[in-house]
């Protein structure tokens, strides 16, 4: 009986040991198979191991930006009709209507004058395509930008350019006062000051 128990115990031990060896070798084969697959480098990420010390250093090549064209700007008539629709919707919703300058491009306005008002500095601008004048204050929105500041002799705008791919680019733009015409130049303080000494 002792011999049967001893044989059974040795057989069971050898069976379990062989099962463990088979499972371990299967796991090792799976790991080796995964390690032998070529790994694709992920763009923009460095490998965890760092740079290979046995290769000559190569500077990263700068990627050139794909410049997409600017989004098309609607005509002045289309922008005016959009503004009228926005104004009607705001009135129906009992909200404040947008300013008429939201339909104008920064390139379509001309600075006529700058004055000081109880609200601070104000600028008088003329919309050249429709020949209308508006009084604007800092923070005023336009179709492609916003008035940031009013200085003594110029306006500072933040222009926003929208590209076809949805990218937005913001730049600063300055608009000086309109040069005086011949009629206005005759009534400037310099002309009056030269006339007084006589």
C-alpha atoms as a PDB file:
ATOM      1  CA  UNK A   1       0.000   0.000   0.000  1.00  0.00           C
ATOM      2  CA  UNK A   2       2.906   2.280   0.775  1.00  0.00           C
ATOM      3  CA  UNK A   3       4.337   1.723  -2.632  1.00  0.00           C
ATOM      4  CA  UNK A   4       1.037   2.613  -4.335  1.00  0.00           C
ATOM      5  CA  UNK A   5       0.825   5.882  -2.403  1.00  0.00           C
ATOM      6  CA  UNK A   6       4.439   6.667  -3.253  1.00  0.00           C
ATOM      7  CA  UNK A   7       3.891   5.930  -6.963  1.00  0.00           C
ATOM      8  CA  UNK A   8       0.683   7.992  -6.963  1.00  0.00           C
ATOM      9  CA  UNK A   9       2.441  10.939  -5.308  1.00  0.00           C
ATOM     10  CA  UNK A  10       5.405  10.851  -7.721  1.00  0.00           C
ATOM     11  CA  UNK A  11       3.053  10.540 -10.718  1.00  0.00           C
ATOM     12  CA  UNK A  12       0.888  13.432  -9.527  1.00  0.00           C
ATOM     13  CA  UNK A  13       3.951  15.603  -8.866  1.00  0.00           C
ATOM     14  CA  UNK A  14       5.439  14.848 -12.283  1.00  0.00           C
ATOM     15  CA  UNK A  15       2.070  15.545 -13.946  1.00  0.00           C
ATOM     16  CA  UNK A  16       1.706  18.920 -12.239  1.00  0.00           C
ATOM     17  CA  UNK A  17       5.331  19.781 -12.968  1.00  0.00           C
ATOM     18  CA  UNK A  18       4.925  18.951 -16.669  1.00  0.00           C
ATOM     19  CA  UNK A  19       1.701  21.008 -16.803  1.00  0.00           C
ATOM     20  CA  UNK A  20       3.498  23.986 -15.293  1.00  0.00           C
ATOM     21  CA  UNK A  21       6.352  23.616 -17.800  1.00  0.00           C
ATOM     22  CA  UNK A  22       3.913  23.452 -20.744  1.00  0.00           C
ATOM     23  CA  UNK A  23       2.037  26.556 -19.569  1.00  0.00           C
ATOM     24  CA  UNK A  24       5.269  28.467 -18.938  1.00  0.00           C
ATOM     25  CA  UNK A  25       6.658  27.594 -22.357  1.00  0.00           C
ATOM     26  CA  UNK A  26       3.379  28.651 -24.018  1.00  0.00           C
ATOM     27  CA  UNK A  27       3.470  31.963 -22.169  1.00  0.00           C
ATOM     28  CA  UNK A  28       7.135  32.468 -23.117  1.00  0.00           C
ATOM     29  CA  UNK A  29       6.380  31.766 -26.783  1.00  0.00           C
ATOM     30  CA  UNK A  30       3.540  34.305 -26.696  1.00  0.00           C
ATOM     31  CA  UNK A  31       5.785  36.944 -25.122  1.00  0.00           C
ATOM     32  CA  UNK A  32       8.560  36.287 -27.653  1.00  0.00           C
ATOM     33  CA  UNK A  33       6.050  36.515 -30.495  1.00  0.00           C
ATOM     34  CA  UNK A  34       4.818  39.874 -29.228  1.00  0.00           C
ATOM     35  CA  UNK A  35       8.363  41.195 -28.799  1.00  0.00           C
ATOM     36  CA  UNK A  36       9.397  40.217 -32.322  1.00  0.00           C
ATOM     37  CA  UNK A  37       6.669  42.329 -33.967  1.00  0.00           C
ATOM     38  CA  UNK A  38       8.177  45.580 -35.256  1.00  0.00           C
ATOM     39  CA  UNK A  39       6.993  48.520 -33.186  1.00  0.00           C
ATOM     40  CA  UNK A  40       5.914  51.578 -35.096  1.00  0.00           C
ATOM     41  CA  UNK A  41       7.191  54.849 -33.647  1.00  0.00           C
ATOM     42  CA  UNK A  42       4.412  57.175 -32.585  1.00  0.00           C
ATOM     43  CA  UNK A  43       4.747  60.635 -34.112  1.00  0.00           C
ATOM     44  CA  UNK A  44       5.429  63.317 -31.551  1.00  0.00           C
ATOM     45  CA  UNK A  45       6.313  60.844 -28.761  1.00  0.00           C
ATOM     46  CA  UNK A  46       9.785  59.867 -27.724  1.00  0.00           C
ATOM     47  CA  UNK A  47      10.503  56.262 -26.983  1.00  0.00           C
ATOM     48  CA  UNK A  48      10.775  55.447 -23.327  1.00  0.00           C
ATOM     49  CA  UNK A  49      14.386  54.336 -23.753  1.00  0.00           C
ATOM     50  CA  UNK A  50      15.525  57.696 -25.131  1.00  0.00           C
ATOM     51  CA  UNK A  51      17.946  58.233 -27.990  1.00  0.00           C
ATOM     52  CA  UNK A  52      20.152  55.395 -29.188  1.00  0.00           C
ATOM     53  CA  UNK A  53      23.648  56.280 -27.886  1.00  0.00           C
ATOM     54  CA  UNK A  54      25.391  54.455 -30.735  1.00  0.00           C
ATOM     55  CA  UNK A  55      23.771  56.465 -33.542  1.00  0.00           C
ATOM     56  CA  UNK A  56      24.929  59.881 -34.689  1.00  0.00           C
ATOM     57  CA  UNK A  57      22.717  62.709 -33.430  1.00  0.00           C
ATOM     58  CA  UNK A  58      20.208  63.952 -35.983  1.00  0.00           C
ATOM     59  CA  UNK A  59      18.275  67.121 -35.311  1.00  0.00           C
ATOM     60  CA  UNK A  60      14.520  66.802 -35.623  1.00  0.00           C
ATOM     61  CA  UNK A  61      13.289  68.041 -38.972  1.00  0.00           C
ATOM     62  CA  UNK A  62      10.777  70.839 -38.570  1.00  0.00           C
ATOM     63  CA  UNK A  63       7.386  69.883 -39.912  1.00  0.00           C
ATOM     64  CA  UNK A  64       6.072  72.414 -42.353  1.00  0.00           C
ATOM     65  CA  UNK A  65       2.597  73.680 -41.622  1.00  0.00           C
ATOM     66  CA  UNK A  66       0.082  73.005 -44.293  1.00  0.00           C
ATOM     67  CA  UNK A  67      -1.246  76.438 -45.032  1.00  0.00           C
ATOM     68  CA  UNK A  68      -4.857  76.285 -45.937  1.00  0.00           C
ATOM     69  CA  UNK A  69      -6.492  79.183 -47.685  1.00  0.00           C
ATOM     70  CA  UNK A  70      -8.561  81.756 -45.888  1.00  0.00           C
ATOM     71  CA  UNK A  71     -12.264  81.216 -45.636  1.00  0.00           C
ATOM     72  CA  UNK A  72     -14.239  83.303 -48.105  1.00  0.00           C
ATOM     73  CA  UNK A  73     -15.819  86.457 -46.744  1.00  0.00           C
ATOM     74  CA  UNK A  74     -19.436  87.106 -47.751  1.00  0.00           C
ATOM     75  CA  UNK A  75     -20.275  90.240 -49.715  1.00  0.00           C
ATOM     76  CA  UNK A  76     -21.449  93.377 -47.918  1.00  0.00           C
ATOM     77  CA  UNK A  77     -25.062  92.738 -48.965  1.00  0.00           C
ATOM     78  CA  UNK A  78     -24.975  89.190 -47.555  1.00  0.00           C
ATOM     79  CA  UNK A  79     -23.465  90.461 -44.298  1.00  0.00           C
ATOM     80  CA  UNK A  80     -26.117  93.185 -44.017  1.00  0.00           C
ATOM     81  CA  UNK A  81     -28.904  90.643 -44.562  1.00  0.00           C
ATOM     82  CA  UNK A  82     -27.341  88.374 -41.887  1.00  0.00           C
ATOM     83  CA  UNK A  83     -27.205  91.347 -39.527  1.00  0.00           C
ATOM     84  CA  UNK A  84     -30.882  92.177 -40.176  1.00  0.00           C
ATOM     85  CA  UNK A  85     -31.841  88.557 -39.471  1.00  0.00           C
ATOM     86  CA  UNK A  86     -29.826  88.567 -36.225  1.00  0.00           C
ATOM     87  CA  UNK A  87     -31.402  91.870 -35.187  1.00  0.00           C
ATOM     88  CA  UNK A  88     -34.937  90.592 -35.860  1.00  0.00           C
ATOM     89  CA  UNK A  89     -34.238  87.385 -33.915  1.00  0.00           C
ATOM     90  CA  UNK A  90     -32.843  89.388 -30.975  1.00  0.00           C
ATOM     91  CA  UNK A  91     -35.864  91.701 -30.931  1.00  0.00           C
ATOM     92  CA  UNK A  92     -38.249  88.721 -31.021  1.00  0.00           C
ATOM     93  CA  UNK A  93     -36.329  87.124 -28.136  1.00  0.00           C
ATOM     94  CA  UNK A  94     -36.447  90.462 -26.233  1.00  0.00           C
ATOM     95  CA  UNK A  95     -32.645  90.681 -26.132  1.00  0.00           C
ATOM     96  CA  UNK A  96     -30.339  93.547 -27.025  1.00  0.00           C
ATOM     97  CA  UNK A  97     -29.798  93.799 -30.756  1.00  0.00           C
ATOM     98  CA  UNK A  98     -26.270  93.495 -32.146  1.00  0.00           C
ATOM     99  CA  UNK A  99     -24.479  96.659 -33.249  1.00  0.00           C
ATOM    100  CA  UNK A 100     -24.475  97.449 -36.981  1.00  0.00           C
ATOM    101  CA  UNK A 101     -20.673  97.330 -37.009  1.00  0.00           C
ATOM    102  CA  UNK A 102     -20.823  93.520 -36.721  1.00  0.00           C
ATOM    103  CA  UNK A 103     -21.533  93.457 -40.462  1.00  0.00           C
ATOM    104  CA  UNK A 104     -18.424  95.487 -41.389  1.00  0.00           C
ATOM    105  CA  UNK A 105     -14.894  94.317 -42.122  1.00  0.00           C
ATOM    106  CA  UNK A 106     -11.944  96.180 -40.614  1.00  0.00           C
ATOM    107  CA  UNK A 107     -10.711  96.955 -44.116  1.00  0.00           C
ATOM    108  CA  UNK A 108     -14.032  98.665 -44.899  1.00  0.00           C
ATOM    109  CA  UNK A 109     -13.847 101.326 -42.203  1.00  0.00           C
ATOM    110  CA  UNK A 110     -12.020 104.631 -42.164  1.00  0.00           C
ATOM    111  CA  UNK A 111     -11.288 106.611 -38.984  1.00  0.00           C
ATOM    112  CA  UNK A 112     -12.734 110.120 -39.285  1.00  0.00           C
ATOM    113  CA  UNK A 113     -12.043 111.390 -35.790  1.00  0.00           C
ATOM    114  CA  UNK A 114     -11.368 110.620 -32.141  1.00  0.00           C
ATOM    115  CA  UNK A 115     -13.087 112.414 -29.274  1.00  0.00           C
ATOM    116  CA  UNK A 116     -13.500 112.205 -25.531  1.00  0.00           C
ATOM    117  CA  UNK A 117     -16.984 111.476 -24.225  1.00  0.00           C
ATOM    118  CA  UNK A 118     -18.443 110.804 -20.754  1.00  0.00           C
ATOM    119  CA  UNK A 119     -17.967 107.088 -21.456  1.00  0.00           C
ATOM    120  CA  UNK A 120     -14.282 107.592 -22.288  1.00  0.00           C
ATOM    121  CA  UNK A 121     -12.613 107.880 -25.675  1.00  0.00           C
ATOM    122  CA  UNK A 122     -14.836 107.401 -28.700  1.00  0.00           C
ATOM    123  CA  UNK A 123     -13.998 107.140 -32.371  1.00  0.00           C
ATOM    124  CA  UNK A 124     -16.032 108.198 -35.374  1.00  0.00           C
ATOM    125  CA  UNK A 125     -15.634 105.799 -38.274  1.00  0.00           C
ATOM    126  CA  UNK A 126     -17.127 105.703 -41.742  1.00  0.00           C
ATOM    127  CA  UNK A 127     -18.173 102.489 -43.466  1.00  0.00           C
ATOM    128  CA  UNK A 128     -16.797 103.113 -46.950  1.00  0.00           C
ATOM    129  CA  UNK A 129     -19.027 100.681 -48.923  1.00  0.00           C
ATOM    130  CA  UNK A 130     -22.297 102.106 -47.577  1.00  0.00           C
ATOM    131  CA  UNK A 131     -21.148 105.677 -46.694  1.00  0.00           C
ATOM    132  CA  UNK A 132     -22.536 105.619 -43.136  1.00  0.00           C
ATOM    133  CA  UNK A 133     -20.775 106.916 -40.033  1.00  0.00           C
ATOM    134  CA  UNK A 134     -20.781 105.294 -36.588  1.00  0.00           C
ATOM    135  CA  UNK A 135     -19.509 106.229 -33.134  1.00  0.00           C
ATOM    136  CA  UNK A 136     -17.620 103.297 -31.650  1.00  0.00           C
ATOM    137  CA  UNK A 137     -16.080 102.536 -28.264  1.00  0.00           C
ATOM    138  CA  UNK A 138     -13.417 100.019 -27.145  1.00  0.00           C
ATOM    139  CA  UNK A 139     -14.826  96.498 -27.163  1.00  0.00           C
ATOM    140  CA  UNK A 140     -16.932  97.108 -30.286  1.00  0.00           C
ATOM    141  CA  UNK A 141     -17.191  93.978 -32.474  1.00  0.00           C
ATOM    142  CA  UNK A 142     -16.703  93.820 -36.220  1.00  0.00           C
ATOM    143  CA  UNK A 143     -17.152  90.961 -38.689  1.00  0.00           C
ATOM    144  CA  UNK A 144     -13.465  90.022 -38.600  1.00  0.00           C
ATOM    145  CA  UNK A 145     -12.213  91.612 -35.399  1.00  0.00           C
ATOM    146  CA  UNK A 146     -12.737  93.823 -32.384  1.00  0.00           C
ATOM    147  CA  UNK A 147     -11.734  97.340 -31.330  1.00  0.00           C
ATOM    148  CA  UNK A 148      -9.277  96.953 -28.454  1.00  0.00           C
ATOM    149  CA  UNK A 149      -8.166 100.518 -27.682  1.00  0.00           C
ATOM    150  CA  UNK A 150      -8.455 104.112 -28.850  1.00  0.00           C
ATOM    151  CA  UNK A 151      -5.225 106.110 -28.749  1.00  0.00           C
ATOM    152  CA  UNK A 152      -4.648 109.804 -29.481  1.00  0.00           C
ATOM    153  CA  UNK A 153      -4.223 109.415 -33.226  1.00  0.00           C
ATOM    154  CA  UNK A 154      -5.073 105.795 -34.070  1.00  0.00           C
ATOM    155  CA  UNK A 155      -7.295 102.827 -33.249  1.00  0.00           C
ATOM    156  CA  UNK A 156      -6.005  99.408 -32.170  1.00  0.00           C
ATOM    157  CA  UNK A 157      -7.890  96.378 -33.456  1.00  0.00           C
ATOM    158  CA  UNK A 158      -7.576  92.645 -32.912  1.00  0.00           C
ATOM    159  CA  UNK A 159      -8.096  91.033 -36.324  1.00  0.00           C
ATOM    160  CA  UNK A 160      -9.202  87.397 -36.484  1.00  0.00           C
ATOM    161  CA  UNK A 161      -8.492  85.489 -39.686  1.00  0.00           C
ATOM    162  CA  UNK A 162     -10.439  82.258 -40.204  1.00  0.00           C
ATOM    163  CA  UNK A 163      -8.967  79.568 -42.452  1.00  0.00           C
ATOM    164  CA  UNK A 164     -10.751  76.835 -44.400  1.00  0.00           C
ATOM    165  CA  UNK A 165      -9.533  74.105 -42.022  1.00  0.00           C
ATOM    166  CA  UNK A 166     -11.155  75.916 -39.057  1.00  0.00           C
ATOM    167  CA  UNK A 167      -7.926  77.380 -37.692  1.00  0.00           C
ATOM    168  CA  UNK A 168      -8.107  80.960 -36.365  1.00  0.00           C
ATOM    169  CA  UNK A 169      -5.244  83.420 -36.339  1.00  0.00           C
ATOM    170  CA  UNK A 170      -5.320  86.661 -34.340  1.00  0.00           C
ATOM    171  CA  UNK A 171      -3.188  89.681 -35.182  1.00  0.00           C
ATOM    172  CA  UNK A 172      -3.019  93.310 -34.061  1.00  0.00           C
ATOM    173  CA  UNK A 173      -3.923  95.990 -36.585  1.00  0.00           C
ATOM    174  CA  UNK A 174      -3.631  99.770 -36.279  1.00  0.00           C
ATOM    175  CA  UNK A 175      -5.824 102.242 -38.137  1.00  0.00           C
ATOM    176  CA  UNK A 176      -4.605 105.871 -38.221  1.00  0.00           C
ATOM    177  CA  UNK A 177      -6.804 108.916 -38.596  1.00  0.00           C
ATOM    178  CA  UNK A 178      -7.876 109.752 -42.133  1.00  0.00           C
ATOM    179  CA  UNK A 179      -5.608 112.416 -43.629  1.00  0.00           C
ATOM    180  CA  UNK A 180      -7.355 115.786 -43.864  1.00  0.00           C
ATOM    181  CA  UNK A 181      -8.801 116.925 -47.182  1.00  0.00           C
ATOM    182  CA  UNK A 182      -7.895 120.303 -48.718  1.00  0.00           C
ATOM    183  CA  UNK A 183     -11.017 121.910 -47.257  1.00  0.00           C
ATOM    184  CA  UNK A 184     -10.270 120.533 -43.767  1.00  0.00           C
ATOM    185  CA  UNK A 185      -6.571 121.440 -44.067  1.00  0.00           C
ATOM    186  CA  UNK A 186      -7.530 125.100 -44.511  1.00  0.00           C
ATOM    187  CA  UNK A 187      -9.243 125.141 -41.098  1.00  0.00           C
ATOM    188  CA  UNK A 188      -6.588 123.208 -39.162  1.00  0.00           C
ATOM    189  CA  UNK A 189      -5.011 124.919 -36.125  1.00  0.00           C
ATOM    190  CA  UNK A 190      -1.673 125.310 -37.958  1.00  0.00           C
ATOM    191  CA  UNK A 191      -3.285 127.418 -40.664  1.00  0.00           C
ATOM    192  CA  UNK A 192      -5.194 129.495 -38.111  1.00  0.00           C
ATOM    193  CA  UNK A 193      -2.032 130.028 -36.008  1.00  0.00           C
ATOM    194  CA  UNK A 194      -0.112 131.359 -38.996  1.00  0.00           C
ATOM    195  CA  UNK A 195      -2.946 133.755 -39.825  1.00  0.00           C
ATOM    196  CA  UNK A 196      -3.136 135.336 -36.312  1.00  0.00           C
ATOM    197  CA  UNK A 197       0.307 137.099 -36.153  1.00  0.00           C
ATOM    198  CA  UNK A 198      -0.611 139.498 -39.013  1.00  0.00           C
END
